[in-house]
Amino acid sequence: MPRILSNNVVNSKAASLFLLLALSFPVFCLAVAEHQSGFRYEAPGRNTLIPTNREDSSRRKENPVIPGDLADPSVIRKGDVYYATGTSSEWAPHFPLFQSRDLLHWRQIGYVFSQTPAWASASFWAPELFYWKGTYYVYYVARKKSDGISCIGVATSKDPAKGFTDRGILLEFGKEAIDPFVIAEDGRLYMTWKAYGLDERPIELLVARLSDDGLKVDSAHYTLLRDDEKKGLEGQCLVRRNGYYYLFYSVGNCCGRGCSYEVEVAQSASLLGPYTKFPGNPVFSETADWKCTGHGTIVTSKEGKDFYLYHAYSKTDDVYTGRQGMLGELRWDAQTGWPRIRPLGEKAGTIKNFRDDFSKTALSYAWQWDFRNSAPRVKIEKGNLSLSGLPGVGNRTGTVLTVRPLDGDYEISTEVANHNASLKGLVLYGDAGQSVGVGVKNDTVQVWEVKKGERSVLQESVIPRGEHLQLKMKVEKGYQCRFYWSKDGNTWNPLKTGEVYYNGEFLPPWDRSPRPGLMHQGAVAAPADFSYFEMRYR
């Protein structure tokens, strides 16, 4: 009987459902690629925003193993080491890459791409990791520069920690090809994907054979499953157990406040189908604390157990922390053969605070930026981060460096040198047209917002020019903001915006969480100089 190669076990990814109007956004791939080629990142350590401590708690709950926004996660095992990645959407560098030895404790080791692939313009979704004949692969989704159509690309590496080399577009299929998943069968490679999501016809999950090197489609395509019920169909992965193929897939709305994701499964005696849906579907849906579960990958542990790495929204913090990386265990019914997914009951973990003193010569892996709307220029020297950049047309926010929030309640602070006419400070960033922050400019400190592309100053105070100033933002529930400034870091002066809290409910884009960080708006020759950035969770 055919079998699946054990080291490749299963994967899946994707985030789509809505058509991003990618062509309406300015694209700066060449500028960013040129800029990124000069970036260096520090070795993984405490500044990677991944908690490493666990504390005792009498209340048991399923806790994210990779907290923060990491939609459509993919995982593989090679020997004793697990690798995981997930959607990065419009953030660069693209596709954060994590490593673990137990599936529970992860550290970031870099990114799949430090430079934007030459053919791609936006929407970096659903990367799928795979290992085959001594080479690591990542099959991923991005929009083509020429027409904005989502295609499936492929990249390879001999060592994931050293990044991947892009091999270009593998598949362009109609109006959209997304959510690749690759499986090895009888010594051959097959790729499944989602098709017709933007057509006036039912969505289908398709499959085709790949070339032996995994870089070309080598056969006609076949239909695995069709969405005749029109409830959504994507984020698939395959595994073979007990003589049958099990096709796991997500149904419903993937993203945002109105999400409805859950996981179903279908069974077939043949890889190419036909597939019969489980009469007890869904096999996995919301829990007491998490909602919109789905788009995951199955991996077999060193001990022979099957686990499902998937994403879900916290019911507490919702869209403000995004779709987080969760782990569940597959349980196979001994009588019927059908699976169920049981979320892990790990004890609640301690989220570690993040501080960057810019004491190293390279940028921490924690930082990302909106590559479509700015090309950051960064210099780190003697405990100082110098930030400027080239904002795109229509960018009313400026250049930002951001980090992933791991919880909805936190405060961020920094010290900035007030020695030029640029606006520089802290930001909570949805995208270039939706943001809020506190910053220093000339002899004023101001709270500002960009809402629906329109920029306005909400509050400002006069301060002495020519000295360092400390700034702070307190955030509750992911969107309720308060703003402060201080000369010495001890006495904090509030900048009130008319309400107890500034309401940032409008900030989240449809597919990702808002992110806190540092910002600069002004001339490249007048950069923002920061001596530290700290993020403390409450």
Protein backbone atom coordinates (compact mmCIF):
# COMPACT_ATOMS: atom_id res chain seq x y z
CA MET A 1 0.00 0.00 0.00
CA PRO A 2 1.21 3.55 -0.64
CA ARG A 3 2.40 5.47 2.39
CA ILE A 4 3.20 9.02 3.44
CA LEU A 5 6.83 9.74 4.24
CA SER A 6 6.99 10.10 8.02
CA ASN A 7 9.18 13.19 8.14
CA ASN A 8 6.84 15.18 6.00
CA VAL A 9 3.70 14.37 7.89
CA VAL A 10 1.06 16.91 6.93
CA ASN A 11 0.58 20.56 6.48
CA SER A 12 -1.80 23.30 5.43
CA LYS A 13 -2.26 26.99 5.45
CA ALA A 14 -4.19 29.95 4.13
CA ALA A 15 -5.99 33.11 4.79
CA SER A 16 -8.23 34.46 2.11
CA LEU A 17 -12.06 34.48 1.82
CA PHE A 18 -12.15 38.15 0.92
CA LEU A 19 -10.61 39.64 -2.20
CA LEU A 20 -7.98 42.10 -1.07
CA LEU A 21 -7.99 45.01 -3.43
CA ALA A 22 -4.26 44.64 -3.76
CA LEU A 23 -3.92 46.69 -6.89
CA SER A 24 -5.32 49.72 -5.07
CA PHE A 25 -2.35 49.76 -2.70
CA PRO A 26 0.96 51.29 -3.64
CA VAL A 27 3.66 48.64 -3.95
CA PHE A 28 7.31 49.22 -3.14
CA CYS A 29 8.80 45.77 -3.59
CA LEU A 30 11.98 46.94 -5.30
CA ALA A 31 12.68 49.62 -2.73
CA VAL A 32 12.01 47.27 0.14
CA ALA A 33 14.06 44.47 -1.37
CA GLU A 34 16.97 46.81 -1.82
CA HIS A 35 16.56 48.03 1.75
CA GLN A 36 16.11 44.58 3.22
CA SER A 37 19.29 43.32 1.65
CA GLY A 38 21.12 45.60 4.05
CA PHE A 39 19.23 44.39 7.14
CA ARG A 40 20.74 42.02 9.65
CA TYR A 41 18.91 40.26 12.45
CA GLU A 42 20.20 39.20 15.83
CA ALA A 43 20.39 35.56 16.86
CA PRO A 44 17.24 34.25 18.55
CA GLY A 45 17.00 35.00 22.23
CA ARG A 46 14.86 36.87 24.71
CA ASN A 47 13.86 39.47 22.13
CA THR A 48 11.93 37.04 19.93
CA LEU A 49 8.59 37.61 21.70
CA ILE A 50 8.06 33.91 22.40
CA PRO A 51 7.40 33.04 26.07
CA THR A 52 9.65 30.35 27.51
CA ASN A 53 8.33 30.18 31.08
CA ARG A 54 5.33 28.26 32.39
CA GLU A 55 3.78 28.94 35.78
CA ASP A 56 1.53 26.73 37.90
CA SER A 57 -2.18 27.45 37.71
CA SER A 58 -5.18 25.60 39.04
CA ARG A 59 -7.18 26.64 36.01
CA ARG A 60 -6.32 24.58 32.96
CA LYS A 61 -6.97 25.94 29.51
CA GLU A 62 -5.67 25.53 26.00
CA ASN A 63 -2.89 28.05 25.70
CA PRO A 64 -1.33 29.25 22.42
CA VAL A 65 1.98 27.52 21.84
CA ILE A 66 2.94 30.36 19.47
CA PRO A 67 1.12 33.41 20.88
CA GLY A 68 0.30 36.44 18.79
CA ASP A 69 -0.85 36.76 15.20
CA LEU A 70 0.28 33.65 13.28
CA ALA A 71 -2.53 32.57 10.97
CA ASP A 72 -2.52 29.43 8.82
CA PRO A 73 0.34 27.74 10.68
CA SER A 74 2.37 24.97 9.05
CA VAL A 75 4.54 22.48 10.91
CA ILE A 76 6.91 19.64 9.99
CA ARG A 77 9.26 17.39 11.90
CA LYS A 78 12.75 16.46 10.73
CA GLY A 79 14.33 14.05 13.18
CA ASP A 80 14.03 15.55 16.65
CA VAL A 81 13.37 19.09 15.44
CA TYR A 82 10.05 20.72 14.54
CA TYR A 83 9.76 23.76 12.28
CA ALA A 84 6.73 26.04 11.98
CA THR A 85 5.75 29.13 10.04
CA GLY A 86 2.58 31.05 9.20
CA THR A 87 0.96 33.86 7.25
CA SER A 88 2.67 37.25 7.41
CA SER A 89 0.23 39.04 5.08
CA GLU A 90 1.61 42.57 4.49
CA TRP A 91 4.38 42.43 7.11
CA ALA A 92 8.02 42.08 6.15
CA PRO A 93 10.25 40.18 6.51
CA HIS A 94 7.95 37.47 5.18
CA PHE A 95 6.83 34.31 7.00
CA PRO A 96 8.39 34.12 10.49
CA LEU A 97 10.13 30.81 11.10
CA PHE A 98 10.09 28.97 14.45
CA GLN A 99 11.86 25.93 15.87
CA SER A 100 10.96 23.54 18.70
CA ARG A 101 11.91 20.18 20.16
CA ASP A 102 8.62 19.43 21.92
CA LEU A 103 5.85 21.28 19.99
CA LEU A 104 5.15 23.37 23.10
CA HIS A 105 8.12 25.71 23.44
CA TRP A 106 9.10 27.59 20.31
CA ARG A 107 11.81 30.11 19.46
CA GLN A 108 11.99 32.24 16.36
CA ILE A 109 15.05 31.48 14.22
CA GLY A 110 14.42 33.94 11.41
CA TYR A 111 12.18 34.38 8.39
CA VAL A 112 11.57 32.42 5.22
CA PHE A 113 12.34 35.53 3.13
CA SER A 114 14.51 38.46 4.19
CA GLN A 115 13.88 39.99 0.76
CA THR A 116 10.57 40.19 -1.08
CA PRO A 117 10.48 37.69 -3.99
CA ALA A 118 10.89 39.55 -7.27
CA TRP A 119 7.55 38.44 -8.72
CA ALA A 120 5.36 39.18 -5.67
CA SER A 121 3.53 42.33 -4.58
CA ALA A 122 1.37 41.59 -1.51
CA SER A 123 -0.73 39.12 0.50
CA PHE A 124 1.88 36.64 1.72
CA TRP A 125 -0.40 33.86 2.94
CA ALA A 126 -0.44 30.22 3.92
CA PRO A 127 3.19 29.05 3.71
CA GLU A 128 3.45 25.26 3.69
CA LEU A 129 6.63 23.60 4.92
CA PHE A 130 7.78 20.29 3.43
CA TYR A 131 10.92 18.13 3.52
CA TRP A 132 11.93 15.95 0.57
CA LYS A 133 15.20 14.24 -0.36
CA GLY A 134 17.50 16.44 1.69
CA THR A 135 15.80 19.74 0.84
CA TYR A 136 13.35 21.90 2.79
CA TYR A 137 10.56 23.47 0.75
CA VAL A 138 8.05 26.18 1.45
CA TYR A 139 5.01 26.46 -0.83
CA TYR A 140 3.35 29.82 -0.32
CA VAL A 141 0.81 32.30 -1.66
CA ALA A 142 1.44 35.85 -2.87
CA ARG A 143 -0.03 38.28 -5.37
CA LYS A 144 1.64 38.74 -8.73
CA LYS A 145 2.97 42.23 -9.44
CA SER A 146 1.55 42.40 -12.95
CA ASP A 147 -2.13 41.77 -12.20
CA GLY A 148 -2.62 41.13 -8.45
CA ILE A 149 -3.68 37.51 -8.94
CA SER A 150 -2.83 35.21 -6.04
CA CYS A 151 -0.44 32.47 -7.17
CA ILE A 152 1.44 29.66 -5.46
CA GLY A 153 5.20 30.08 -5.27
CA VAL A 154 7.92 27.75 -4.03
CA ALA A 155 11.25 28.26 -2.26
CA THR A 156 13.97 25.86 -1.09
CA SER A 157 16.65 25.62 1.58
CA LYS A 158 19.22 23.19 2.94
CA ASP A 159 19.02 24.86 6.36
CA PRO A 160 15.83 26.73 7.38
CA ALA A 161 17.76 28.86 9.88
CA LYS A 162 19.65 30.39 6.94
CA GLY A 163 16.50 31.33 5.03
CA PHE A 164 15.07 30.13 1.72
CA THR A 165 15.86 30.82 -1.93
CA ASP A 166 12.80 31.69 -3.99
CA ARG A 167 12.17 29.51 -7.07
CA GLY A 168 9.38 31.64 -8.48
CA ILE A 169 5.76 30.91 -9.36
CA LEU A 170 4.81 27.23 -9.27
CA LEU A 171 1.13 27.58 -10.12
CA GLU A 172 -1.17 30.24 -11.52
CA PHE A 173 -4.73 28.96 -11.75
CA GLY A 174 -7.65 31.13 -12.84
CA LYS A 175 -8.48 34.10 -10.62
CA GLU A 176 -6.85 32.62 -7.52
CA ALA A 177 -4.75 29.66 -6.36
CA ILE A 178 -4.20 29.57 -2.59
CA ASP A 179 -3.64 27.23 0.37
CA PRO A 180 -1.06 24.80 -1.02
CA PHE A 181 -0.48 21.50 0.74
CA VAL A 182 2.06 18.91 -0.42
CA ILE A 183 2.14 15.17 0.26
CA ALA A 184 4.50 12.37 -0.80
CA GLU A 185 2.85 9.20 -2.09
CA ASP A 186 4.47 6.15 -3.72
CA GLY A 187 7.67 8.13 -4.21
CA ARG A 188 5.85 10.98 -5.96
CA LEU A 189 4.83 14.44 -4.83
CA TYR A 190 1.29 15.80 -5.00
CA MET A 191 0.05 19.30 -4.25
CA THR A 192 -3.48 20.24 -3.25
CA TRP A 193 -4.86 23.78 -3.33
CA LYS A 194 -8.02 25.86 -3.13
CA ALA A 195 -9.50 27.07 -6.43
CA TYR A 196 -12.46 29.11 -7.68
CA GLY A 197 -12.78 31.14 -4.49
CA LEU A 198 -13.39 34.30 -6.55
CA ASP A 199 -15.59 32.72 -9.23
CA GLU A 200 -19.36 32.44 -9.51
CA ARG A 201 -19.17 28.70 -8.92
CA PRO A 202 -18.53 26.37 -5.98
CA ILE A 203 -15.06 26.37 -4.45
CA GLU A 204 -13.03 23.22 -5.11
CA LEU A 205 -10.04 21.59 -3.48
CA LEU A 206 -7.83 20.37 -6.33
CA VAL A 207 -4.77 18.12 -6.57
CA ALA A 208 -2.01 17.63 -9.16
CA ARG A 209 1.27 15.74 -9.28
CA LEU A 210 4.54 17.66 -8.96
CA SER A 211 7.89 16.97 -10.58
CA ASP A 212 10.41 15.00 -8.54
CA ASP A 213 12.27 18.19 -7.64
CA GLY A 214 9.02 19.73 -6.34
CA LEU A 215 9.38 22.82 -8.54
CA LYS A 216 6.85 22.18 -11.34
CA VAL A 217 3.28 20.92 -11.77
CA ASP A 218 3.57 17.67 -13.71
CA SER A 219 0.01 16.50 -14.41
CA ALA A 220 -3.57 17.52 -14.97
CA HIS A 221 -5.56 18.48 -11.89
CA TYR A 222 -8.29 16.47 -10.16
CA THR A 223 -11.07 17.51 -7.80
CA LEU A 224 -10.90 16.23 -4.23
CA LEU A 225 -13.89 18.07 -2.80
CA ARG A 226 -16.42 20.67 -3.97
CA ASP A 227 -18.27 23.20 -1.86
CA ASP A 228 -21.78 22.58 -3.13
CA GLU A 229 -23.17 23.86 0.17
CA LYS A 230 -21.37 27.19 -0.42
CA LYS A 231 -20.24 27.57 3.16
CA GLY A 232 -16.54 28.03 2.42
CA LEU A 233 -13.84 25.43 1.85
CA GLU A 234 -10.09 25.93 2.34
CA GLY A 235 -7.06 25.35 4.57
CA GLN A 236 -6.82 21.64 3.78
CA CYS A 237 -4.32 18.98 4.81
CA LEU A 238 -4.09 15.24 4.21
CA VAL A 239 -2.97 12.27 6.28
CA ARG A 240 -3.19 8.53 5.70
CA ARG A 241 -4.24 6.30 8.58
CA ASN A 242 -5.52 2.71 8.74
CA GLY A 243 -5.71 2.32 4.97
CA TYR A 244 -7.67 5.54 4.37
CA TYR A 245 -6.84 9.10 3.41
CA TYR A 246 -8.30 11.77 5.67
CA LEU A 247 -8.79 15.22 4.21
CA PHE A 248 -9.06 17.89 6.90
CA TYR A 249 -10.37 21.28 5.78
CA SER A 250 -11.83 24.49 7.20
CA VAL A 251 -15.30 25.83 6.49
CA GLY A 252 -16.87 29.21 7.21
CA ASN A 253 -15.42 32.69 7.42
CA CYS A 254 -11.72 32.73 8.32
CA CYS A 255 -11.17 36.20 9.61
CA GLY A 256 -12.32 39.22 11.56
CA ARG A 257 -15.07 39.84 14.08
CA GLY A 258 -17.59 37.90 12.00
CA CYS A 259 -15.44 34.79 11.65
CA SER A 260 -17.05 31.35 11.82
CA TYR A 261 -14.23 28.89 11.07
CA GLU A 262 -14.42 25.25 12.09
CA VAL A 263 -12.78 22.04 10.94
CA GLU A 264 -14.37 19.18 9.02
CA VAL A 265 -12.94 15.92 7.66
CA ALA A 266 -13.62 13.58 4.74
CA GLN A 267 -12.36 10.06 4.01
CA SER A 268 -11.29 8.14 0.90
CA ALA A 269 -9.62 4.83 0.05
CA SER A 270 -7.69 6.66 -2.71
CA LEU A 271 -5.63 9.83 -2.61
CA LEU A 272 -7.52 11.13 -5.65
CA GLY A 273 -10.93 10.40 -4.13
CA PRO A 274 -13.86 10.26 -4.08
CA TYR A 275 -14.07 11.59 -0.52
CA THR A 276 -16.96 10.97 1.87
CA LYS A 277 -17.61 13.61 4.51
CA PHE A 278 -17.78 12.56 8.15
CA PRO A 279 -21.46 12.53 9.20
CA GLY A 280 -20.45 13.92 12.60
CA ASN A 281 -18.77 17.05 11.21
CA PRO A 282 -17.40 19.38 12.45
CA VAL A 283 -14.58 17.53 14.19
CA PHE A 284 -13.33 20.75 15.78
CA SER A 285 -14.94 24.11 16.54
CA GLU A 286 -14.90 26.84 19.18
CA THR A 287 -14.09 26.21 22.84
CA ALA A 288 -14.82 28.19 26.00
CA ASP A 289 -11.90 30.56 25.40
CA TRP A 290 -11.15 30.36 21.66
CA LYS A 291 -13.15 30.77 18.48
CA CYS A 292 -12.84 30.33 14.71
CA THR A 293 -10.47 27.38 14.94
CA GLY A 294 -8.94 26.00 11.78
CA HIS A 295 -6.48 26.04 8.91
CA GLY A 296 -3.99 23.73 10.51
CA THR A 297 -1.40 21.08 9.78
CA ILE A 298 -0.98 17.58 11.18
CA VAL A 299 2.40 16.42 12.43
CA THR A 300 3.37 13.12 14.03
CA SER A 301 5.50 13.49 17.14
CA LYS A 302 8.64 11.54 17.95
CA GLU A 303 6.44 9.41 20.22
CA GLY A 304 4.06 8.55 17.37
CA LYS A 305 1.15 10.80 18.38
CA ASP A 306 -0.68 12.99 15.87
CA PHE A 307 -1.01 16.70 16.62
CA TYR A 308 -2.79 19.53 14.83
CA LEU A 309 -1.20 23.00 14.78
CA TYR A 310 -3.96 25.47 13.96
CA HIS A 311 -5.01 29.06 14.53
CA ALA A 312 -7.79 30.59 16.64
CA TYR A 313 -8.94 33.95 17.99
CA SER A 314 -8.98 34.56 21.73
CA LYS A 315 -12.52 35.32 22.87
CA THR A 316 -11.05 37.90 25.25
CA ASP A 317 -8.76 39.86 22.92
CA ASP A 318 -10.36 38.84 19.60
CA VAL A 319 -9.00 40.61 16.50
CA TYR A 320 -6.59 42.74 18.55
CA THR A 321 -4.17 39.84 19.02
CA GLY A 322 -5.08 38.05 15.80
CA ARG A 323 -5.21 34.37 14.97
CA GLN A 324 -2.80 32.66 17.35
CA GLY A 325 -0.86 29.41 17.02
CA MET A 326 -2.64 26.61 18.93
CA LEU A 327 -2.01 22.89 19.36
CA GLY A 328 -4.48 20.02 19.57
CA GLU A 329 -4.14 16.25 19.66
CA LEU A 330 -5.86 13.95 17.16
CA ARG A 331 -7.76 11.05 18.65
CA TRP A 332 -8.73 8.23 16.27
CA ASP A 333 -11.88 6.26 17.10
CA ALA A 334 -10.95 2.59 17.32
CA GLN A 335 -14.34 1.44 16.02
CA THR A 336 -15.25 3.95 13.30
CA GLY A 337 -11.76 5.16 12.34
CA TRP A 338 -12.91 8.79 12.31
CA PRO A 339 -10.80 11.38 14.16
CA ARG A 340 -11.54 14.05 16.73
CA ILE A 341 -9.31 16.95 17.70
CA ARG A 342 -8.79 17.67 21.39
CA PRO A 343 -7.18 21.02 22.22
CA LEU A 344 -4.29 20.78 24.63
CA GLY A 345 -5.02 21.47 28.29
CA GLU A 346 -1.70 23.12 29.03
CA LYS A 347 -1.38 25.31 32.10
CA ALA A 348 -1.62 29.01 31.35
CA GLY A 349 1.80 30.38 30.45
CA THR A 350 3.62 33.50 31.48
CA ILE A 351 3.90 36.06 28.69
CA LYS A 352 7.33 37.60 28.83
CA ASN A 353 7.79 41.33 28.51
CA PHE A 354 9.89 42.61 25.62
CA ARG A 355 12.65 45.19 25.76
CA ASP A 356 15.11 46.19 23.08
CA ASP A 357 18.00 48.42 24.17
CA PHE A 358 19.50 48.33 20.68
CA SER A 359 22.74 47.12 22.23
CA LYS A 360 23.43 44.71 19.37
CA THR A 361 24.43 45.59 15.84
CA ALA A 362 21.52 43.77 14.22
CA LEU A 363 17.76 44.21 14.32
CA SER A 364 15.85 41.76 16.51
CA TYR A 365 13.67 39.15 14.78
CA ALA A 366 10.74 40.68 16.68
CA TRP A 367 10.50 43.70 14.36
CA GLN A 368 8.47 43.84 11.15
CA TRP A 369 7.09 46.60 8.93
CA ASP A 370 4.37 47.21 6.33
CA PHE A 371 6.44 46.62 3.21
CA ARG A 372 3.78 47.89 0.80
CA ASN A 373 3.68 51.37 2.27
CA SER A 374 7.21 52.23 3.32
CA ALA A 375 10.85 51.28 2.91
CA PRO A 376 12.46 51.68 6.35
CA ARG A 377 16.01 52.89 6.78
CA VAL A 378 17.45 51.59 10.02
CA LYS A 379 20.81 52.08 11.68
CA ILE A 380 21.74 50.63 15.07
CA GLU A 381 24.79 52.07 16.77
CA LYS A 382 25.92 52.47 20.39
CA GLY A 383 22.53 51.71 21.92
CA ASN A 384 20.61 53.91 19.51
CA LEU A 385 18.13 52.99 16.79
CA SER A 386 17.92 55.53 13.98
CA LEU A 387 14.72 55.20 11.96
CA SER A 388 13.61 56.98 8.81
CA GLY A 389 12.22 55.87 5.47
CA LEU A 390 10.42 56.50 2.24
CA PRO A 391 6.63 56.38 2.78
CA GLY A 392 4.53 55.51 -0.22
CA VAL A 393 1.94 57.67 -1.90
CA GLY A 394 -1.10 57.95 0.34
CA ASN A 395 0.77 56.85 3.47
CA ARG A 396 -0.38 59.34 6.12
CA THR A 397 1.26 57.49 9.03
CA GLY A 398 4.92 57.38 8.05
CA THR A 399 7.53 54.67 8.51
CA VAL A 400 6.92 52.15 11.29
CA LEU A 401 8.67 49.24 12.97
CA THR A 402 6.24 47.04 14.88
CA VAL A 403 6.04 43.94 17.07
CA ARG A 404 3.29 41.32 17.47
CA PRO A 405 1.12 41.86 20.58
CA LEU A 406 0.72 38.64 22.58
CA ASP A 407 -2.10 39.95 24.80
CA GLY A 408 -4.60 42.81 24.68
CA ASP A 409 -3.41 44.58 27.86
CA TYR A 410 0.03 46.15 27.71
CA GLU A 411 1.99 49.37 27.74
CA ILE A 412 4.78 50.47 25.42
CA SER A 413 7.40 53.11 26.11
CA THR A 414 10.47 54.65 24.53
CA GLU A 415 12.96 57.48 24.81
CA VAL A 416 13.38 59.67 21.74
CA ALA A 417 15.79 62.49 20.93
CA ASN A 418 13.93 65.69 20.09
CA HIS A 419 16.50 67.31 17.81
CA ASN A 420 14.73 67.81 14.47
CA ALA A 421 11.40 68.71 12.87
CA SER A 422 10.31 65.14 12.12
CA LEU A 423 7.47 63.54 14.05
CA LYS A 424 8.85 60.58 15.99
CA GLY A 425 7.39 58.36 18.67
CA LEU A 426 5.08 55.43 19.41
CA VAL A 427 2.34 53.99 17.22
CA LEU A 428 -0.48 51.45 17.27
CA TYR A 429 -0.64 50.56 13.60
CA GLY A 430 -3.43 48.92 11.63
CA ASP A 431 -2.19 50.02 8.24
CA ALA A 432 -1.00 53.23 6.57
CA GLY A 433 -4.53 54.67 6.63
CA GLN A 434 -5.56 53.46 10.11
CA SER A 435 -3.26 54.26 13.04
CA VAL A 436 -2.85 56.25 16.23
CA GLY A 437 0.18 57.38 18.19
CA VAL A 438 2.02 59.83 20.41
CA GLY A 439 5.09 61.66 19.18
CA VAL A 440 7.43 64.61 19.44
CA LYS A 441 7.89 67.30 16.79
CA ASN A 442 9.80 70.55 17.29
CA ASP A 443 8.58 72.03 20.58
CA THR A 444 5.40 69.96 20.90
CA VAL A 445 4.36 66.50 21.97
CA GLN A 446 1.15 65.37 20.29
CA VAL A 447 -1.41 62.61 20.09
CA TRP A 448 -2.40 62.02 16.48
CA GLU A 449 -4.57 59.64 14.50
CA VAL A 450 -4.98 58.53 10.91
CA LYS A 451 -8.53 57.35 10.30
CA LYS A 452 -9.88 56.39 6.89
CA GLY A 453 -6.76 57.94 5.42
CA GLU A 454 -7.28 61.34 7.07
CA ARG A 455 -4.72 62.59 9.57
CA SER A 456 -5.52 64.81 12.55
CA VAL A 457 -3.89 65.98 15.80
CA LEU A 458 -6.08 65.17 18.81
CA GLN A 459 -4.04 66.80 21.59
CA GLU A 460 -0.70 68.53 21.96
CA SER A 461 1.44 70.23 24.60
CA VAL A 462 4.42 72.55 24.37
CA ILE A 463 7.71 71.11 25.64
CA PRO A 464 11.31 72.37 25.78
CA ARG A 465 13.10 71.55 22.53
CA GLY A 466 16.51 69.97 22.22
CA GLU A 467 16.35 67.25 24.85
CA HIS A 468 15.35 63.63 25.15
CA LEU A 469 11.75 62.84 25.97
CA GLN A 470 10.12 59.63 27.13
CA LEU A 471 6.77 58.52 25.72
CA LYS A 472 4.27 55.91 26.82
CA MET A 473 1.06 54.34 25.52
CA LYS A 474 -1.16 52.18 27.71
CA VAL A 475 -3.45 49.80 25.83
CA GLU A 476 -6.35 47.83 27.28
CA LYS A 477 -8.44 45.22 25.46
CA GLY A 478 -6.24 45.81 22.43
CA TYR A 479 -7.85 49.12 21.45
CA GLN A 480 -8.44 51.41 24.48
CA CYS A 481 -5.45 53.75 24.53
CA ARG A 482 -4.01 56.37 26.87
CA PHE A 483 -0.96 58.55 26.17
CA TYR A 484 1.80 60.04 28.34
CA TRP A 485 5.09 61.90 28.19
CA SER A 486 7.87 62.37 30.72
CA LYS A 487 11.19 64.18 31.07
CA ASP A 488 12.71 61.73 33.53
CA GLY A 489 10.74 58.47 33.24
CA ASN A 490 9.34 58.90 36.75
CA THR A 491 6.72 61.64 36.47
CA TRP A 492 4.33 60.95 33.62
CA ASN A 493 2.11 63.67 32.14
CA PRO A 494 -1.14 62.48 30.54
CA LEU A 495 -2.25 63.70 27.13
CA LYS A 496 -6.02 63.43 27.29
CA THR A 497 -8.05 62.98 24.12
CA GLY A 498 -11.46 63.97 25.52
CA GLU A 499 -12.47 60.55 26.78
CA VAL A 500 -11.06 58.29 29.46
CA TYR A 501 -9.72 56.12 26.67
CA TYR A 502 -9.01 56.73 23.03
CA ASN A 503 -11.18 54.26 21.10
CA GLY A 504 -9.10 52.37 18.53
CA GLU A 505 -11.74 49.81 17.57
CA PHE A 506 -11.36 50.83 13.92
CA LEU A 507 -7.69 49.83 13.71
CA PRO A 508 -7.64 46.10 12.79
CA PRO A 509 -7.44 45.22 9.08
CA TRP A 510 -9.67 42.34 7.97
CA ASP A 511 -7.00 39.66 8.28
CA ARG A 512 -4.46 40.70 10.94
CA SER A 513 -4.05 42.39 14.29
CA PRO A 514 -2.93 45.99 14.87
CA ARG A 515 0.67 46.23 16.04
CA PRO A 516 2.44 48.56 18.46
CA GLY A 517 5.86 49.98 17.70
CA LEU A 518 8.01 52.94 16.71
CA MET A 519 7.30 55.52 14.00
CA HIS A 520 8.92 58.32 12.01
CA GLN A 521 7.31 60.87 9.72
CA GLY A 522 9.59 63.38 8.07
CA ALA A 523 12.69 63.78 5.94
CA VAL A 524 15.12 60.90 5.56
CA ALA A 525 17.88 63.30 6.63
CA ALA A 526 15.99 63.98 9.90
CA PRO A 527 15.59 60.50 11.43
CA ALA A 528 14.01 59.43 14.69
CA ASP A 529 16.59 58.34 17.28
CA PHE A 530 15.39 55.93 19.97
CA SER A 531 17.43 54.67 22.93
CA TYR A 532 15.08 51.79 23.84
CA PHE A 533 11.68 50.24 23.26
CA GLU A 534 9.82 48.34 25.97
CA MET A 535 6.55 46.42 25.94
CA ARG A 536 5.16 45.32 29.31
CA TYR A 537 2.09 43.12 29.71
CA ARG A 538 -0.36 43.67 32.54
